[in-house]
Amino acid sequence: MVFNEGFKMRTILNEIGVPTPSLVSISDNWLIEDYIEGGNLYYAFVNGIDPLMAFTAGKITGSLHNAGYVFTDNKSQNYLVSSEGELLRTDLSFIQKENSVYSRSMDVGSFLASVIGFDTIKYYSIQKEFFTGYCTATKKPFPYLSIAIRNVLSIGLSPKPSIFKNMLYNSLNLL
């Protein structure tokens, strides 16, 4: 954890286009980052922020994948929205140097599973923007296991009745 959350990893991430909050201090027992006033991306979506912010999350995810890394835990709650509207990635402890289809699919699927409980129109907008941002960065479609992983993870991450409708709604057009 100390390496992934530390200064060196944040420098690497910054160089590949993954902004993070500034690290104030880190030890084996604690981590202190700059406070980001805007809160996390999930609650920003709840409070009405434009789904276009998902484009930036998709682009960040794609940039990380292009560099051969994965977040592993890429849910929307791990992105912070600054008061200036900048998206920052936090909770870096599970980053891995990995480029398999499964691990990239886990990143995409975990993000989508974390927002699948929104009403269908809002979810579809978020999914579409995330996909567009990801494809802009990678020049590739979603990794093919993403939707299956999203469906499995959504049961635990977003236990709302709308998830079943959203699982079916237009997802196949993204593959």
C-alpha atoms as a PDB file:
ATOM      1  CA  MET A   1       0.000   0.000   0.000  1.00  0.00           C
ATOM      2  CA  VAL A   2       2.765   2.446   0.889  1.00  0.00           C
ATOM      3  CA  PHE A   3       4.278   2.124  -2.600  1.00  0.00           C
ATOM      4  CA  ASN A   4       0.979   2.436  -4.510  1.00  0.00           C
ATOM      5  CA  GLU A   5      -0.234   5.360  -2.412  1.00  0.00           C
ATOM      6  CA  GLY A   6       3.203   6.989  -2.217  1.00  0.00           C
ATOM      7  CA  PHE A   7       4.939   9.874  -3.930  1.00  0.00           C
ATOM      8  CA  LYS A   8       6.626   7.776  -6.637  1.00  0.00           C
ATOM      9  CA  MET A   9       3.372   6.162  -7.853  1.00  0.00           C
ATOM     10  CA  ARG A  10       1.627   9.552  -7.870  1.00  0.00           C
ATOM     11  CA  THR A  11       4.430  10.918 -10.069  1.00  0.00           C
ATOM     12  CA  ILE A  12       4.027   7.965 -12.458  1.00  0.00           C
ATOM     13  CA  LEU A  13       0.254   8.451 -12.539  1.00  0.00           C
ATOM     14  CA  ASN A  14       0.558  12.178 -13.162  1.00  0.00           C
ATOM     15  CA  GLU A  15       2.913  11.520 -16.102  1.00  0.00           C
ATOM     16  CA  ILE A  16       0.368   9.188 -17.752  1.00  0.00           C
ATOM     17  CA  GLY A  17      -2.568  11.531 -17.212  1.00  0.00           C
ATOM     18  CA  VAL A  18      -4.070  10.266 -13.959  1.00  0.00           C
ATOM     19  CA  PRO A  19      -4.434  13.219 -11.566  1.00  0.00           C
ATOM     20  CA  THR A  20      -4.481  12.465  -7.833  1.00  0.00           C
ATOM     21  CA  PRO A  21      -4.876  14.580  -4.707  1.00  0.00           C
ATOM     22  CA  SER A  22      -1.564  15.881  -3.385  1.00  0.00           C
ATOM     23  CA  LEU A  23       0.008  13.582  -0.842  1.00  0.00           C
ATOM     24  CA  VAL A  24       0.835  15.366   2.400  1.00  0.00           C
ATOM     25  CA  SER A  25       2.251  12.463   4.403  1.00  0.00           C
ATOM     26  CA  ILE A  26       2.406   8.672   4.335  1.00  0.00           C
ATOM     27  CA  SER A  27       3.676   5.972   6.669  1.00  0.00           C
ATOM     28  CA  ASP A  28       2.943   2.333   7.359  1.00  0.00           C
ATOM     29  CA  ASN A  29       0.047   3.453   9.553  1.00  0.00           C
ATOM     30  CA  TRP A  30      -1.537   6.495   7.861  1.00  0.00           C
ATOM     31  CA  LEU A  31      -2.063   8.401   4.671  1.00  0.00           C
ATOM     32  CA  ILE A  32      -2.839  12.108   4.489  1.00  0.00           C
ATOM     33  CA  GLU A  33      -3.945  13.616   1.167  1.00  0.00           C
ATOM     34  CA  ASP A  34      -5.161  17.114   0.396  1.00  0.00           C
ATOM     35  CA  TYR A  35      -8.818  17.533   1.242  1.00  0.00           C
ATOM     36  CA  ILE A  36     -10.974  17.732  -1.887  1.00  0.00           C
ATOM     37  CA  GLU A  37     -14.054  19.793  -1.148  1.00  0.00           C
ATOM     38  CA  GLY A  38     -16.309  18.508  -3.933  1.00  0.00           C
ATOM     39  CA  GLY A  39     -16.674  14.926  -2.662  1.00  0.00           C
ATOM     40  CA  ASN A  40     -16.697  11.749  -4.708  1.00  0.00           C
ATOM     41  CA  LEU A  41     -18.007  11.244  -8.216  1.00  0.00           C
ATOM     42  CA  TYR A  42     -20.877   8.948  -7.224  1.00  0.00           C
ATOM     43  CA  TYR A  43     -22.384  11.578  -4.936  1.00  0.00           C
ATOM     44  CA  ALA A  44     -21.702  14.264  -7.520  1.00  0.00           C
ATOM     45  CA  PHE A  45     -23.879  12.239  -9.910  1.00  0.00           C
ATOM     46  CA  VAL A  46     -26.521  11.864  -7.169  1.00  0.00           C
ATOM     47  CA  ASN A  47     -26.459  15.652  -6.694  1.00  0.00           C
ATOM     48  CA  GLY A  48     -26.952  16.353 -10.385  1.00  0.00           C
ATOM     49  CA  ILE A  49     -23.471  16.872 -11.822  1.00  0.00           C
ATOM     50  CA  ASP A  50     -23.374  16.426 -15.580  1.00  0.00           C
ATOM     51  CA  PRO A  51     -22.808  12.779 -16.654  1.00  0.00           C
ATOM     52  CA  LEU A  52     -20.073  14.222 -18.895  1.00  0.00           C
ATOM     53  CA  MET A  53     -17.777  13.808 -15.861  1.00  0.00           C
ATOM     54  CA  ALA A  54     -17.884  10.073 -16.632  1.00  0.00           C
ATOM     55  CA  PHE A  55     -16.039  10.890 -19.882  1.00  0.00           C
ATOM     56  CA  THR A  56     -13.081  12.063 -17.798  1.00  0.00           C
ATOM     57  CA  ALA A  57     -13.222   8.934 -15.612  1.00  0.00           C
ATOM     58  CA  GLY A  58     -13.220   6.802 -18.768  1.00  0.00           C
ATOM     59  CA  LYS A  59     -10.304   8.742 -20.186  1.00  0.00           C
ATOM     60  CA  ILE A  60      -8.339   8.375 -16.949  1.00  0.00           C
ATOM     61  CA  THR A  61      -9.047   4.630 -16.920  1.00  0.00           C
ATOM     62  CA  GLY A  62      -8.005   4.295 -20.565  1.00  0.00           C
ATOM     63  CA  SER A  63      -4.802   6.266 -19.968  1.00  0.00           C
ATOM     64  CA  LEU A  64      -3.907   3.954 -17.105  1.00  0.00           C
ATOM     65  CA  HIS A  65      -4.589   0.892 -19.284  1.00  0.00           C
ATOM     66  CA  ASN A  66      -2.449   2.313 -22.091  1.00  0.00           C
ATOM     67  CA  ALA A  67       0.447   2.462 -19.621  1.00  0.00           C
ATOM     68  CA  GLY A  68      -0.068  -1.187 -18.640  1.00  0.00           C
ATOM     69  CA  TYR A  69      -1.638  -0.585 -15.222  1.00  0.00           C
ATOM     70  CA  VAL A  70      -5.050  -1.278 -13.721  1.00  0.00           C
ATOM     71  CA  PHE A  71      -6.843   0.191 -10.704  1.00  0.00           C
ATOM     72  CA  THR A  72      -8.601  -3.118  -9.821  1.00  0.00           C
ATOM     73  CA  ASP A  73     -11.115  -1.152  -7.699  1.00  0.00           C
ATOM     74  CA  ASN A  74     -12.328   1.483 -10.130  1.00  0.00           C
ATOM     75  CA  LYS A  75     -15.693   2.426  -8.676  1.00  0.00           C
ATOM     76  CA  SER A  76     -17.001   5.975  -9.013  1.00  0.00           C
ATOM     77  CA  GLN A  77     -16.559   6.537  -5.279  1.00  0.00           C
ATOM     78  CA  ASN A  78     -12.775   6.423  -5.845  1.00  0.00           C
ATOM     79  CA  TYR A  79     -12.846   9.573  -7.969  1.00  0.00           C
ATOM     80  CA  LEU A  80     -12.993  12.961  -6.283  1.00  0.00           C
ATOM     81  CA  VAL A  81     -14.478  16.061  -7.900  1.00  0.00           C
ATOM     82  CA  SER A  82     -12.695  19.262  -6.947  1.00  0.00           C
ATOM     83  CA  SER A  83     -14.599  22.519  -6.508  1.00  0.00           C
ATOM     84  CA  GLU A  84     -13.039  23.577  -9.852  1.00  0.00           C
ATOM     85  CA  GLY A  85     -14.576  20.540 -11.559  1.00  0.00           C
ATOM     86  CA  GLU A  86     -11.321  18.562 -11.883  1.00  0.00           C
ATOM     87  CA  LEU A  87     -11.552  14.795 -11.454  1.00  0.00           C
ATOM     88  CA  LEU A  88      -8.900  13.204  -9.222  1.00  0.00           C
ATOM     89  CA  ARG A  89      -8.293   9.526  -8.569  1.00  0.00           C
ATOM     90  CA  THR A  90      -7.926   8.421  -4.942  1.00  0.00           C
ATOM     91  CA  ASP A  91      -7.597   5.028  -3.203  1.00  0.00           C
ATOM     92  CA  LEU A  92      -4.571   3.874  -5.162  1.00  0.00           C
ATOM     93  CA  SER A  93      -3.692   0.880  -3.004  1.00  0.00           C
ATOM     94  CA  PHE A  94      -4.843  -1.794  -5.484  1.00  0.00           C
ATOM     95  CA  ILE A  95      -3.035  -0.479  -8.590  1.00  0.00           C
ATOM     96  CA  GLN A  96      -1.174  -3.245 -10.394  1.00  0.00           C
ATOM     97  CA  LYS A  97       1.171  -3.447 -13.340  1.00  0.00           C
ATOM     98  CA  GLU A  98      -1.186  -5.693 -15.314  1.00  0.00           C
ATOM     99  CA  ASN A  99      -2.626  -5.642 -18.797  1.00  0.00           C
ATOM    100  CA  SER A 100      -4.810  -8.742 -19.124  1.00  0.00           C
ATOM    101  CA  VAL A 101      -8.284  -8.544 -20.624  1.00  0.00           C
ATOM    102  CA  TYR A 102      -9.724  -9.699 -17.304  1.00  0.00           C
ATOM    103  CA  SER A 103      -8.030  -6.979 -15.233  1.00  0.00           C
ATOM    104  CA  ARG A 104      -8.948  -4.221 -17.706  1.00  0.00           C
ATOM    105  CA  SER A 105     -12.513  -5.586 -17.812  1.00  0.00           C
ATOM    106  CA  MET A 106     -12.597  -5.476 -13.999  1.00  0.00           C
ATOM    107  CA  ASP A 107     -11.739  -1.765 -14.086  1.00  0.00           C
ATOM    108  CA  VAL A 108     -14.467  -0.947 -16.590  1.00  0.00           C
ATOM    109  CA  GLY A 109     -16.998  -3.297 -15.020  1.00  0.00           C
ATOM    110  CA  SER A 110     -16.424  -2.011 -11.473  1.00  0.00           C
ATOM    111  CA  PHE A 111     -16.960   1.598 -12.563  1.00  0.00           C
ATOM    112  CA  LEU A 112     -20.182   0.745 -14.393  1.00  0.00           C
ATOM    113  CA  ALA A 113     -21.431  -1.482 -11.547  1.00  0.00           C
ATOM    114  CA  SER A 114     -20.957   1.380  -9.096  1.00  0.00           C
ATOM    115  CA  VAL A 115     -23.372   3.623 -11.032  1.00  0.00           C
ATOM    116  CA  ILE A 116     -25.816   1.080 -12.446  1.00  0.00           C
ATOM    117  CA  GLY A 117     -28.401   1.798  -9.741  1.00  0.00           C
ATOM    118  CA  PHE A 118     -29.292   5.194 -11.226  1.00  0.00           C
ATOM    119  CA  ASP A 119     -32.433   5.560 -13.298  1.00  0.00           C
ATOM    120  CA  THR A 120     -32.010   4.139 -16.800  1.00  0.00           C
ATOM    121  CA  ILE A 121     -31.615   7.442 -18.637  1.00  0.00           C
ATOM    122  CA  LYS A 122     -28.984   8.743 -16.206  1.00  0.00           C
ATOM    123  CA  TYR A 123     -27.160   5.394 -16.136  1.00  0.00           C
ATOM    124  CA  TYR A 124     -27.111   5.171 -19.902  1.00  0.00           C
ATOM    125  CA  SER A 125     -25.694   8.714 -20.138  1.00  0.00           C
ATOM    126  CA  ILE A 126     -22.959   7.902 -17.613  1.00  0.00           C
ATOM    127  CA  GLN A 127     -22.147   4.606 -19.327  1.00  0.00           C
ATOM    128  CA  LYS A 128     -22.017   6.270 -22.749  1.00  0.00           C
ATOM    129  CA  GLU A 129     -19.717   9.073 -21.535  1.00  0.00           C
ATOM    130  CA  PHE A 130     -17.418   6.647 -19.716  1.00  0.00           C
ATOM    131  CA  PHE A 131     -17.230   4.493 -22.847  1.00  0.00           C
ATOM    132  CA  THR A 132     -16.502   7.501 -25.063  1.00  0.00           C
ATOM    133  CA  GLY A 133     -13.731   8.711 -22.734  1.00  0.00           C
ATOM    134  CA  TYR A 134     -12.237   5.226 -22.526  1.00  0.00           C
ATOM    135  CA  CYS A 135     -12.272   4.785 -26.307  1.00  0.00           C
ATOM    136  CA  THR A 136     -10.812   8.261 -26.803  1.00  0.00           C
ATOM    137  CA  ALA A 137      -7.825   7.299 -24.649  1.00  0.00           C
ATOM    138  CA  THR A 138      -7.322   3.705 -25.825  1.00  0.00           C
ATOM    139  CA  LYS A 139      -8.613   3.813 -29.418  1.00  0.00           C
ATOM    140  CA  LYS A 140     -10.219   0.444 -28.539  1.00  0.00           C
ATOM    141  CA  PRO A 141     -13.672  -0.678 -27.368  1.00  0.00           C
ATOM    142  CA  PHE A 142     -14.363  -1.833 -23.812  1.00  0.00           C
ATOM    143  CA  PRO A 143     -12.574  -5.065 -22.928  1.00  0.00           C
ATOM    144  CA  TYR A 144     -15.059  -7.786 -23.815  1.00  0.00           C
ATOM    145  CA  LEU A 145     -15.640  -9.137 -20.285  1.00  0.00           C
ATOM    146  CA  SER A 146     -16.637  -5.699 -18.920  1.00  0.00           C
ATOM    147  CA  ILE A 147     -20.399  -6.082 -19.172  1.00  0.00           C
ATOM    148  CA  ALA A 148     -20.416  -9.570 -17.611  1.00  0.00           C
ATOM    149  CA  ILE A 149     -18.241  -8.328 -14.730  1.00  0.00           C
ATOM    150  CA  ARG A 150     -20.448  -5.236 -14.359  1.00  0.00           C
ATOM    151  CA  ASN A 151     -23.507  -7.478 -14.018  1.00  0.00           C
ATOM    152  CA  VAL A 152     -21.920  -9.679 -11.350  1.00  0.00           C
ATOM    153  CA  LEU A 153     -20.460  -6.775  -9.337  1.00  0.00           C
ATOM    154  CA  SER A 154     -23.619  -4.673  -9.537  1.00  0.00           C
ATOM    155  CA  ILE A 155     -25.483  -7.038  -7.221  1.00  0.00           C
ATOM    156  CA  GLY A 156     -23.110  -6.073  -4.388  1.00  0.00           C
ATOM    157  CA  LEU A 157     -22.293  -2.496  -5.348  1.00  0.00           C
ATOM    158  CA  SER A 158     -25.716  -1.220  -6.264  1.00  0.00           C
ATOM    159  CA  PRO A 159     -28.541  -3.353  -4.840  1.00  0.00           C
ATOM    160  CA  LYS A 160     -31.465  -1.484  -6.368  1.00  0.00           C
ATOM    161  CA  PRO A 161     -34.280  -2.809  -8.567  1.00  0.00           C
ATOM    162  CA  SER A 162     -33.195  -0.563 -11.462  1.00  0.00           C
ATOM    163  CA  ILE A 163     -29.975  -2.528 -11.954  1.00  0.00           C
ATOM    164  CA  PHE A 164     -31.750  -5.342 -13.788  1.00  0.00           C
ATOM    165  CA  LYS A 165     -33.334  -2.954 -16.269  1.00  0.00           C
ATOM    166  CA  ASN A 166     -29.996  -1.190 -16.743  1.00  0.00           C
ATOM    167  CA  MET A 167     -28.181  -4.498 -17.252  1.00  0.00           C
ATOM    168  CA  LEU A 168     -30.296  -5.087 -20.322  1.00  0.00           C
ATOM    169  CA  TYR A 169     -30.751  -1.547 -21.610  1.00  0.00           C
ATOM    170  CA  ASN A 170     -28.609  -1.002 -24.657  1.00  0.00           C
ATOM    171  CA  SER A 171     -25.438  -2.487 -23.116  1.00  0.00           C
ATOM    172  CA  LEU A 172     -24.796  -4.749 -26.065  1.00  0.00           C
ATOM    173  CA  ASN A 173     -24.273  -1.720 -28.292  1.00  0.00           C
ATOM    174  CA  LEU A 174     -21.084  -0.954 -26.371  1.00  0.00           C
ATOM    175  CA  LEU A 175     -19.316  -4.203 -27.162  1.00  0.00           C
END
